[in-house]
Amino acid sequence: MSKKMLIMATSAMLLSAAPLAAQNTVREACMPDIRQYCSAELATFSRDKVRACLIKNIKKTSPACQQAAKARRDAERAKKMGS
Protein backbone atom coordinates (compact mmCIF):
# COMPACT_ATOMS: atom_id res chain seq x y z
CA MET A 1 0.00 0.00 0.00
CA SER A 2 1.37 3.40 -0.91
CA LYS A 3 2.01 6.04 1.72
CA LYS A 4 -0.44 8.40 0.03
CA MET A 5 -3.17 5.76 0.05
CA LEU A 6 -2.51 4.99 3.72
CA ILE A 7 -2.75 8.67 4.64
CA MET A 8 -5.97 9.06 2.68
CA ALA A 9 -7.49 5.99 4.31
CA THR A 10 -6.45 7.17 7.76
CA SER A 11 -7.94 10.58 7.14
CA ALA A 12 -11.23 9.01 6.13
CA MET A 13 -11.26 6.79 9.22
CA LEU A 14 -10.75 9.67 11.61
CA LEU A 15 -13.76 11.60 10.39
CA SER A 16 -16.79 11.57 12.67
CA ALA A 17 -19.64 13.80 13.82
CA ALA A 18 -17.32 16.18 15.67
CA PRO A 19 -16.79 19.62 14.15
CA LEU A 20 -14.50 19.66 11.14
CA ALA A 21 -11.95 21.86 12.88
CA ALA A 22 -11.63 19.37 15.73
CA GLN A 23 -11.26 16.51 13.25
CA ASN A 24 -8.47 18.24 11.40
CA THR A 25 -6.75 19.18 14.64
CA VAL A 26 -6.80 15.61 15.96
CA ARG A 27 -5.65 14.17 12.65
CA GLU A 28 -2.79 16.64 12.33
CA ALA A 29 -1.75 16.42 15.97
CA CYS A 30 -2.05 12.66 16.38
CA MET A 31 -1.00 11.12 13.07
CA PRO A 32 2.65 10.63 14.11
CA ASP A 33 1.48 8.99 17.35
CA ILE A 34 -1.04 6.82 15.50
CA ARG A 35 1.70 5.64 13.16
CA GLN A 36 3.97 4.89 16.12
CA TYR A 37 1.55 3.21 18.51
CA CYS A 38 -1.30 1.98 16.31
CA SER A 39 0.24 0.90 13.02
CA ALA A 40 -1.40 -2.55 13.13
CA GLU A 41 -4.83 -1.01 13.70
CA LEU A 42 -4.18 1.57 11.00
CA ALA A 43 -3.53 -1.24 8.52
CA THR A 44 -7.01 -2.67 9.19
CA PHE A 45 -8.73 0.51 7.91
CA SER A 46 -10.99 0.33 10.97
CA ARG A 47 -11.65 3.77 12.45
CA ASP A 48 -12.99 2.14 15.61
CA LYS A 49 -9.82 0.07 16.09
CA VAL A 50 -7.56 3.07 15.48
CA ARG A 51 -9.59 5.20 17.88
CA ALA A 52 -9.54 2.47 20.57
CA CYS A 53 -5.79 2.11 20.17
CA LEU A 54 -5.26 5.85 20.42
CA ILE A 55 -7.36 5.99 23.59
CA LYS A 56 -5.43 3.04 25.05
CA ASN A 57 -2.11 4.76 24.34
CA ILE A 58 -3.13 8.38 24.97
CA LYS A 59 -0.67 8.81 27.88
CA LYS A 60 2.20 7.90 25.53
CA THR A 61 1.18 10.42 22.86
CA SER A 62 2.52 13.91 22.35
CA PRO A 63 1.10 16.81 24.37
CA ALA A 64 -0.40 18.23 21.16
CA CYS A 65 -2.24 14.97 20.45
CA GLN A 66 -3.49 14.74 24.02
CA GLN A 67 -4.77 18.30 23.90
CA ALA A 68 -6.47 17.81 20.53
CA ALA A 69 -8.06 14.54 21.66
CA LYS A 70 -9.36 16.19 24.83
CA ALA A 71 -10.83 19.09 22.84
CA ARG A 72 -12.56 16.67 20.48
CA ARG A 73 -13.90 14.59 23.37
CA ASP A 74 -15.23 17.74 25.02
CA ALA A 75 -16.88 18.81 21.75
CA GLU A 76 -18.53 15.40 21.36
CA ARG A 77 -19.81 15.51 24.95
CA ALA A 78 -21.18 19.02 24.46
CA LYS A 79 -22.94 17.91 21.29
CA LYS A 80 -24.52 14.94 23.10
CA MET A 81 -25.70 17.16 25.93
CA GLY A 82 -27.23 19.56 23.41
CA SER A 83 -29.17 16.77 21.69
PDB file of N, CA and C in Angstrom:
ATOM      1  N   MET A   1       0.856  -1.176   0.000  1.00  0.00           N
ATOM      2  CA  MET A   1       0.000   0.000   0.000  1.00  0.00           C
ATOM      3  C   MET A   1       0.899   1.235   0.000  1.00  0.00           C
ATOM      4  N   SER A   2       0.561   2.194  -0.819  1.00  0.00           N
ATOM      5  CA  SER A   2       1.374   3.398  -0.906  1.00  0.00           C
ATOM      6  C   SER A   2       1.134   4.290   0.303  1.00  0.00           C
ATOM      7  N   LYS A   3       2.113   5.117   0.584  1.00  0.00           N
ATOM      8  CA  LYS A   3       2.013   6.037   1.721  1.00  0.00           C
ATOM      9  C   LYS A   3       0.835   6.993   1.535  1.00  0.00           C
ATOM     10  N   LYS A   4       0.660   7.479   0.314  1.00  0.00           N
ATOM     11  CA  LYS A   4      -0.444   8.402   0.032  1.00  0.00           C
ATOM     12  C   LYS A   4      -1.789   7.728   0.281  1.00  0.00           C
ATOM     13  N   MET A   5      -1.922   6.493  -0.145  1.00  0.00           N
ATOM     14  CA  MET A   5      -3.173   5.764   0.046  1.00  0.00           C
ATOM     15  C   MET A   5      -3.433   5.525   1.535  1.00  0.00           C
ATOM     16  N   LEU A   6      -2.385   5.208   2.279  1.00  0.00           N
ATOM     17  CA  LEU A   6      -2.509   4.989   3.717  1.00  0.00           C
ATOM     18  C   LEU A   6      -2.952   6.263   4.418  1.00  0.00           C
ATOM     19  N   ILE A   7      -2.377   7.385   4.042  1.00  0.00           N
ATOM     20  CA  ILE A   7      -2.753   8.666   4.643  1.00  0.00           C
ATOM     21  C   ILE A   7      -4.200   9.003   4.307  1.00  0.00           C
ATOM     22  N   MET A   8      -4.591   8.770   3.070  1.00  0.00           N
ATOM     23  CA  MET A   8      -5.971   9.062   2.678  1.00  0.00           C
ATOM     24  C   MET A   8      -6.952   8.170   3.440  1.00  0.00           C
ATOM     25  N   ALA A   9      -6.613   6.913   3.586  1.00  0.00           N
ATOM     26  CA  ALA A   9      -7.492   5.991   4.308  1.00  0.00           C
ATOM     27  C   ALA A   9      -7.591   6.380   5.777  1.00  0.00           C
ATOM     28  N   THR A  10      -6.464   6.760   6.357  1.00  0.00           N
ATOM     29  CA  THR A  10      -6.453   7.174   7.757  1.00  0.00           C
ATOM     30  C   THR A  10      -7.293   8.418   7.947  1.00  0.00           C
ATOM     31  N   SER A  11      -7.148   9.352   7.052  1.00  0.00           N
ATOM     32  CA  SER A  11      -7.939  10.579   7.145  1.00  0.00           C
ATOM     33  C   SER A  11      -9.428  10.265   7.110  1.00  0.00           C
ATOM     34  N   ALA A  12      -9.816   9.381   6.233  1.00  0.00           N
ATOM     35  CA  ALA A  12     -11.228   9.011   6.131  1.00  0.00           C
ATOM     36  C   ALA A  12     -11.715   8.324   7.402  1.00  0.00           C
ATOM     37  N   MET A  13     -10.866   7.505   8.003  1.00  0.00           N
ATOM     38  CA  MET A  13     -11.260   6.792   9.218  1.00  0.00           C
ATOM     39  C   MET A  13     -11.462   7.725  10.397  1.00  0.00           C
ATOM     40  N   LEU A  14     -10.700   8.788  10.448  1.00  0.00           N
ATOM     41  CA  LEU A  14     -10.746   9.668  11.609  1.00  0.00           C
ATOM     42  C   LEU A  14     -11.913  10.645  11.583  1.00  0.00           C
ATOM     43  N   LEU A  15     -12.621  10.694  10.478  1.00  0.00           N
ATOM     44  CA  LEU A  15     -13.759  11.602  10.394  1.00  0.00           C
ATOM     45  C   LEU A  15     -14.920  11.077  11.221  1.00  0.00           C
ATOM     46  N   SER A  16     -15.594  11.958  11.911  1.00  0.00           N
ATOM     47  CA  SER A  16     -16.788  11.572  12.671  1.00  0.00           C
ATOM     48  C   SER A  16     -17.718  12.761  12.763  1.00  0.00           C
ATOM     49  N   ALA A  17     -18.646  12.738  13.692  1.00  0.00           N
ATOM     50  CA  ALA A  17     -19.644  13.797  13.821  1.00  0.00           C
ATOM     51  C   ALA A  17     -19.106  15.046  14.503  1.00  0.00           C
ATOM     52  N   ALA A  18     -17.903  15.007  15.016  1.00  0.00           N
ATOM     53  CA  ALA A  18     -17.318  16.180  15.674  1.00  0.00           C
ATOM     54  C   ALA A  18     -17.102  17.280  14.646  1.00  0.00           C
ATOM     55  N   PRO A  19     -17.018  18.512  15.085  1.00  0.00           N
ATOM     56  CA  PRO A  19     -16.786  19.618  14.154  1.00  0.00           C
ATOM     57  C   PRO A  19     -15.532  19.392  13.304  1.00  0.00           C
ATOM     58  N   LEU A  20     -15.599  19.864  12.074  1.00  0.00           N
ATOM     59  CA  LEU A  20     -14.503  19.655  11.138  1.00  0.00           C
ATOM     60  C   LEU A  20     -13.185  20.178  11.678  1.00  0.00           C
ATOM     61  N   ALA A  21     -13.191  21.312  12.333  1.00  0.00           N
ATOM     62  CA  ALA A  21     -11.949  21.863  12.879  1.00  0.00           C
ATOM     63  C   ALA A  21     -11.331  20.916  13.892  1.00  0.00           C
ATOM     64  N   ALA A  22     -12.142  20.316  14.730  1.00  0.00           N
ATOM     65  CA  ALA A  22     -11.634  19.369  15.726  1.00  0.00           C
ATOM     66  C   ALA A  22     -11.078  18.127  15.040  1.00  0.00           C
ATOM     67  N   GLN A  23     -11.738  17.674  13.984  1.00  0.00           N
ATOM     68  CA  GLN A  23     -11.257  16.507  13.247  1.00  0.00           C
ATOM     69  C   GLN A  23      -9.878  16.774  12.675  1.00  0.00           C
ATOM     70  N   ASN A  24      -9.744  17.907  12.009  1.00  0.00           N
ATOM     71  CA  ASN A  24      -8.467  18.243  11.402  1.00  0.00           C
ATOM     72  C   ASN A  24      -7.385  18.384  12.450  1.00  0.00           C
ATOM     73  N   THR A  25      -7.724  18.985  13.579  1.00  0.00           N
ATOM     74  CA  THR A  25      -6.746  19.177  14.640  1.00  0.00           C
ATOM     75  C   THR A  25      -6.265  17.836  15.171  1.00  0.00           C
ATOM     76  N   VAL A  26      -7.185  16.924  15.441  1.00  0.00           N
ATOM     77  CA  VAL A  26      -6.798  15.608  15.961  1.00  0.00           C
ATOM     78  C   VAL A  26      -5.962  14.862  14.932  1.00  0.00           C
ATOM     79  N   ARG A  27      -6.399  14.865  13.698  1.00  0.00           N
ATOM     80  CA  ARG A  27      -5.651  14.166  12.645  1.00  0.00           C
ATOM     81  C   ARG A  27      -4.235  14.709  12.533  1.00  0.00           C
ATOM     82  N   GLU A  28      -4.110  16.021  12.465  1.00  0.00           N
ATOM     83  CA  GLU A  28      -2.791  16.636  12.326  1.00  0.00           C
ATOM     84  C   GLU A  28      -1.930  16.405  13.562  1.00  0.00           C
ATOM     85  N   ALA A  29      -2.523  16.542  14.734  1.00  0.00           N
ATOM     86  CA  ALA A  29      -1.754  16.421  15.971  1.00  0.00           C
ATOM     87  C   ALA A  29      -1.382  14.976  16.296  1.00  0.00           C
ATOM     88  N   CYS A  30      -2.230  14.037  15.934  1.00  0.00           N
ATOM     89  CA  CYS A  30      -2.054  12.655  16.383  1.00  0.00           C
ATOM     90  C   CYS A  30      -1.496  11.688  15.342  1.00  0.00           C
ATOM     91  N   MET A  31      -1.438  12.075  14.089  1.00  0.00           N
ATOM     92  CA  MET A  31      -1.002  11.122  13.072  1.00  0.00           C
ATOM     93  C   MET A  31       0.371  10.508  13.364  1.00  0.00           C
ATOM     94  N   PRO A  32       1.369  11.278  13.786  1.00  0.00           N
ATOM     95  CA  PRO A  32       2.654  10.631  14.112  1.00  0.00           C
ATOM     96  C   PRO A  32       2.512   9.606  15.244  1.00  0.00           C
ATOM     97  N   ASP A  33       1.695   9.916  16.234  1.00  0.00           N
ATOM     98  CA  ASP A  33       1.476   8.992  17.348  1.00  0.00           C
ATOM     99  C   ASP A  33       0.701   7.759  16.894  1.00  0.00           C
ATOM    100  N   ILE A  34      -0.280   7.953  16.031  1.00  0.00           N
ATOM    101  CA  ILE A  34      -1.040   6.817  15.502  1.00  0.00           C
ATOM    102  C   ILE A  34      -0.112   5.900  14.723  1.00  0.00           C
ATOM    103  N   ARG A  35       0.746   6.468  13.918  1.00  0.00           N
ATOM    104  CA  ARG A  35       1.698   5.643  13.158  1.00  0.00           C
ATOM    105  C   ARG A  35       2.628   4.877  14.095  1.00  0.00           C
ATOM    106  N   GLN A  36       3.036   5.520  15.188  1.00  0.00           N
ATOM    107  CA  GLN A  36       3.973   4.888  16.115  1.00  0.00           C
ATOM    108  C   GLN A  36       3.306   3.807  16.965  1.00  0.00           C
ATOM    109  N   TYR A  37       2.163   4.101  17.538  1.00  0.00           N
ATOM    110  CA  TYR A  37       1.547   3.207  18.512  1.00  0.00           C
ATOM    111  C   TYR A  37       0.436   2.324  17.950  1.00  0.00           C
ATOM    112  N   CYS A  38      -0.108   2.685  16.814  1.00  0.00           N
ATOM    113  CA  CYS A  38      -1.301   1.983  16.309  1.00  0.00           C
ATOM    114  C   CYS A  38      -1.159   1.548  14.855  1.00  0.00           C
ATOM    115  N   SER A  39       0.037   1.232  14.428  1.00  0.00           N
ATOM    116  CA  SER A  39       0.242   0.899  13.016  1.00  0.00           C
ATOM    117  C   SER A  39      -0.537  -0.349  12.596  1.00  0.00           C
ATOM    118  N   ALA A  40      -0.648  -1.338  13.481  1.00  0.00           N
ATOM    119  CA  ALA A  40      -1.399  -2.551  13.133  1.00  0.00           C
ATOM    120  C   ALA A  40      -2.879  -2.226  12.935  1.00  0.00           C
ATOM    121  N   GLU A  41      -3.424  -1.404  13.810  1.00  0.00           N
ATOM    122  CA  GLU A  41      -4.832  -1.014  13.697  1.00  0.00           C
ATOM    123  C   GLU A  41      -5.055  -0.143  12.467  1.00  0.00           C
ATOM    124  N   LEU A  42      -4.098   0.701  12.170  1.00  0.00           N
ATOM    125  CA  LEU A  42      -4.182   1.567  11.001  1.00  0.00           C
ATOM    126  C   LEU A  42      -4.268   0.731   9.727  1.00  0.00           C
ATOM    127  N   ALA A  43      -3.541  -0.363   9.698  1.00  0.00           N
ATOM    128  CA  ALA A  43      -3.527  -1.236   8.522  1.00  0.00           C
ATOM    129  C   ALA A  43      -4.862  -1.945   8.298  1.00  0.00           C
ATOM    130  N   THR A  44      -5.713  -1.999   9.323  1.00  0.00           N
ATOM    131  CA  THR A  44      -7.013  -2.669   9.186  1.00  0.00           C
ATOM    132  C   THR A  44      -8.070  -1.771   8.550  1.00  0.00           C
ATOM    133  N   PHE A  45      -7.780  -0.479   8.440  1.00  0.00           N
ATOM    134  CA  PHE A  45      -8.731   0.511   7.914  1.00  0.00           C
ATOM    135  C   PHE A  45      -9.982   0.621   8.782  1.00  0.00           C
ATOM    136  N   SER A  46      -9.859   0.258  10.050  1.00  0.00           N
ATOM    137  CA  SER A  46     -10.991   0.335  10.974  1.00  0.00           C
ATOM    138  C   SER A  46     -10.840   1.563  11.861  1.00  0.00           C
ATOM    139  N   ARG A  47     -11.697   2.552  11.644  1.00  0.00           N
ATOM    140  CA  ARG A  47     -11.651   3.771  12.450  1.00  0.00           C
ATOM    141  C   ARG A  47     -11.830   3.444  13.926  1.00  0.00           C
ATOM    142  N   ASP A  48     -12.733   2.507  14.223  1.00  0.00           N
ATOM    143  CA  ASP A  48     -12.990   2.139  15.613  1.00  0.00           C
ATOM    144  C   ASP A  48     -11.751   1.537  16.272  1.00  0.00           C
ATOM    145  N   LYS A  49     -11.034   0.685  15.542  1.00  0.00           N
ATOM    146  CA  LYS A  49      -9.820   0.072  16.093  1.00  0.00           C
ATOM    147  C   LYS A  49      -8.726   1.110  16.300  1.00  0.00           C
ATOM    148  N   VAL A  50      -8.573   2.022  15.349  1.00  0.00           N
ATOM    149  CA  VAL A  50      -7.563   3.075  15.484  1.00  0.00           C
ATOM    150  C   VAL A  50      -7.904   3.967  16.672  1.00  0.00           C
ATOM    151  N   ARG A  51      -9.159   4.331  16.780  1.00  0.00           N
ATOM    152  CA  ARG A  51      -9.587   5.196  17.880  1.00  0.00           C
ATOM    153  C   ARG A  51      -9.373   4.506  19.230  1.00  0.00           C
ATOM    154  N   ALA A  52      -9.738   3.222  19.326  1.00  0.00           N
ATOM    155  CA  ALA A  52      -9.541   2.472  20.573  1.00  0.00           C
ATOM    156  C   ALA A  52      -8.063   2.386  20.928  1.00  0.00           C
ATOM    157  N   CYS A  53      -7.232   2.164  19.934  1.00  0.00           N
ATOM    158  CA  CYS A  53      -5.789   2.106  20.167  1.00  0.00           C
ATOM    159  C   CYS A  53      -5.256   3.451  20.645  1.00  0.00           C
ATOM    160  N   LEU A  54      -5.713   4.515  20.023  1.00  0.00           N
ATOM    161  CA  LEU A  54      -5.265   5.847  20.420  1.00  0.00           C
ATOM    162  C   LEU A  54      -5.680   6.138  21.861  1.00  0.00           C
ATOM    163  N   ILE A  55      -6.896   5.783  22.220  1.00  0.00           N
ATOM    164  CA  ILE A  55      -7.362   5.989  23.594  1.00  0.00           C
ATOM    165  C   ILE A  55      -6.513   5.171  24.563  1.00  0.00           C
ATOM    166  N   LYS A  56      -6.236   3.922  24.197  1.00  0.00           N
ATOM    167  CA  LYS A  56      -5.431   3.040  25.051  1.00  0.00           C
ATOM    168  C   LYS A  56      -4.030   3.609  25.281  1.00  0.00           C
ATOM    169  N   ASN A  57      -3.487   4.263  24.268  1.00  0.00           N
ATOM    170  CA  ASN A  57      -2.112   4.763  24.335  1.00  0.00           C
ATOM    171  C   ASN A  57      -2.014   6.266  24.549  1.00  0.00           C
ATOM    172  N   ILE A  58      -3.097   6.915  24.926  1.00  0.00           N
ATOM    173  CA  ILE A  58      -3.125   8.379  24.971  1.00  0.00           C
ATOM    174  C   ILE A  58      -2.039   8.957  25.879  1.00  0.00           C
ATOM    175  N   LYS A  59      -1.699   8.286  26.963  1.00  0.00           N
ATOM    176  CA  LYS A  59      -0.672   8.812  27.875  1.00  0.00           C
ATOM    177  C   LYS A  59       0.722   8.781  27.256  1.00  0.00           C
ATOM    178  N   LYS A  60       0.915   7.978  26.218  1.00  0.00           N
ATOM    179  CA  LYS A  60       2.199   7.903  25.527  1.00  0.00           C
ATOM    180  C   LYS A  60       2.309   8.941  24.410  1.00  0.00           C
ATOM    181  N   THR A  61       1.191   9.525  24.015  1.00  0.00           N
ATOM    182  CA  THR A  61       1.182  10.422  22.860  1.00  0.00           C
ATOM    183  C   THR A  61       1.744  11.795  23.203  1.00  0.00           C
ATOM    184  N   SER A  62       1.982  12.560  22.184  1.00  0.00           N
ATOM    185  CA  SER A  62       2.524  13.910  22.349  1.00  0.00           C
ATOM    186  C   SER A  62       1.518  14.807  23.064  1.00  0.00           C
ATOM    187  N   PRO A  63       2.011  15.860  23.723  1.00  0.00           N
ATOM    188  CA  PRO A  63       1.098  16.808  24.367  1.00  0.00           C
ATOM    189  C   PRO A  63       0.090  17.407  23.378  1.00  0.00           C
ATOM    190  N   ALA A  64       0.514  17.657  22.161  1.00  0.00           N
ATOM    191  CA  ALA A  64      -0.395  18.228  21.156  1.00  0.00           C
ATOM    192  C   ALA A  64      -1.525  17.255  20.834  1.00  0.00           C
ATOM    193  N   CYS A  65      -1.213  15.988  20.720  1.00  0.00           N
ATOM    194  CA  CYS A  65      -2.236  14.974  20.449  1.00  0.00           C
ATOM    195  C   CYS A  65      -3.189  14.859  21.630  1.00  0.00           C
ATOM    196  N   GLN A  66      -2.648  14.831  22.823  1.00  0.00           N
ATOM    197  CA  GLN A  66      -3.492  14.739  24.015  1.00  0.00           C
ATOM    198  C   GLN A  66      -4.450  15.921  24.101  1.00  0.00           C
ATOM    199  N   GLN A  67      -3.937  17.101  23.833  1.00  0.00           N
ATOM    200  CA  GLN A  67      -4.770  18.303  23.897  1.00  0.00           C
ATOM    201  C   GLN A  67      -5.861  18.267  22.821  1.00  0.00           C
ATOM    202  N   ALA A  68      -5.496  17.879  21.618  1.00  0.00           N
ATOM    203  CA  ALA A  68      -6.475  17.807  20.528  1.00  0.00           C
ATOM    204  C   ALA A  68      -7.532  16.742  20.810  1.00  0.00           C
ATOM    205  N   ALA A  69      -7.112  15.603  21.339  1.00  0.00           N
ATOM    206  CA  ALA A  69      -8.063  14.538  21.662  1.00  0.00           C
ATOM    207  C   ALA A  69      -9.023  14.983  22.761  1.00  0.00           C
ATOM    208  N   LYS A  70      -8.510  15.689  23.749  1.00  0.00           N
ATOM    209  CA  LYS A  70      -9.363  16.193  24.832  1.00  0.00           C
ATOM    210  C   LYS A  70     -10.375  17.200  24.286  1.00  0.00           C
ATOM    211  N   ALA A  71      -9.923  18.097  23.421  1.00  0.00           N
ATOM    212  CA  ALA A  71     -10.826  19.093  22.839  1.00  0.00           C
ATOM    213  C   ALA A  71     -11.925  18.412  22.023  1.00  0.00           C
ATOM    214  N   ARG A  72     -11.565  17.390  21.282  1.00  0.00           N
ATOM    215  CA  ARG A  72     -12.561  16.668  20.483  1.00  0.00           C
ATOM    216  C   ARG A  72     -13.544  15.932  21.388  1.00  0.00           C
ATOM    217  N   ARG A  73     -13.024  15.284  22.426  1.00  0.00           N
ATOM    218  CA  ARG A  73     -13.902  14.586  23.372  1.00  0.00           C
ATOM    219  C   ARG A  73     -14.883  15.564  24.011  1.00  0.00           C
ATOM    220  N   ASP A  74     -14.369  16.726  24.410  1.00  0.00           N
ATOM    221  CA  ASP A  74     -15.233  17.736  25.020  1.00  0.00           C
ATOM    222  C   ASP A  74     -16.300  18.217  24.039  1.00  0.00           C
ATOM    223  N   ALA A  75     -15.927  18.378  22.770  1.00  0.00           N
ATOM    224  CA  ALA A  75     -16.885  18.809  21.746  1.00  0.00           C
ATOM    225  C   ALA A  75     -17.962  17.747  21.533  1.00  0.00           C
ATOM    226  N   GLU A  76     -17.562  16.481  21.531  1.00  0.00           N
ATOM    227  CA  GLU A  76     -18.533  15.397  21.363  1.00  0.00           C
ATOM    228  C   GLU A  76     -19.489  15.340  22.545  1.00  0.00           C
ATOM    229  N   ARG A  77     -18.958  15.515  23.750  1.00  0.00           N
ATOM    230  CA  ARG A  77     -19.810  15.510  24.948  1.00  0.00           C
ATOM    231  C   ARG A  77     -20.793  16.678  24.916  1.00  0.00           C
ATOM    232  N   ALA A  78     -20.309  17.845  24.526  1.00  0.00           N
ATOM    233  CA  ALA A  78     -21.179  19.021  24.461  1.00  0.00           C
ATOM    234  C   ALA A  78     -22.288  18.799  23.435  1.00  0.00           C
ATOM    235  N   LYS A  79     -21.944  18.176  22.323  1.00  0.00           N
ATOM    236  CA  LYS A  79     -22.942  17.906  21.288  1.00  0.00           C
ATOM    237  C   LYS A  79     -24.000  16.938  21.807  1.00  0.00           C
ATOM    238  N   LYS A  80     -23.571  15.902  22.537  1.00  0.00           N
ATOM    239  CA  LYS A  80     -24.521  14.937  23.096  1.00  0.00           C
ATOM    240  C   LYS A  80     -25.438  15.599  24.115  1.00  0.00           C
ATOM    241  N   MET A  81     -24.894  16.491  24.907  1.00  0.00           N
ATOM    242  CA  MET A  81     -25.696  17.164  25.928  1.00  0.00           C
ATOM    243  C   MET A  81     -26.699  18.115  25.287  1.00  0.00           C
ATOM    244  N   GLY A  82     -26.347  18.649  24.121  1.00  0.00           N
ATOM    245  CA  GLY A  82     -27.234  19.558  23.413  1.00  0.00           C
ATOM    246  C   GLY A  82     -28.336  18.842  22.659  1.00  0.00           C
ATOM    247  N   SER A  83     -28.169  17.545  22.459  1.00  0.00           N
ATOM    248  CA  SER A  83     -29.166  16.765  21.694  1.00  0.00           C
ATOM    249  C   SER A  83     -30.395  16.475  22.498  1.00  0.00           C
TER     250      SER A  83
END
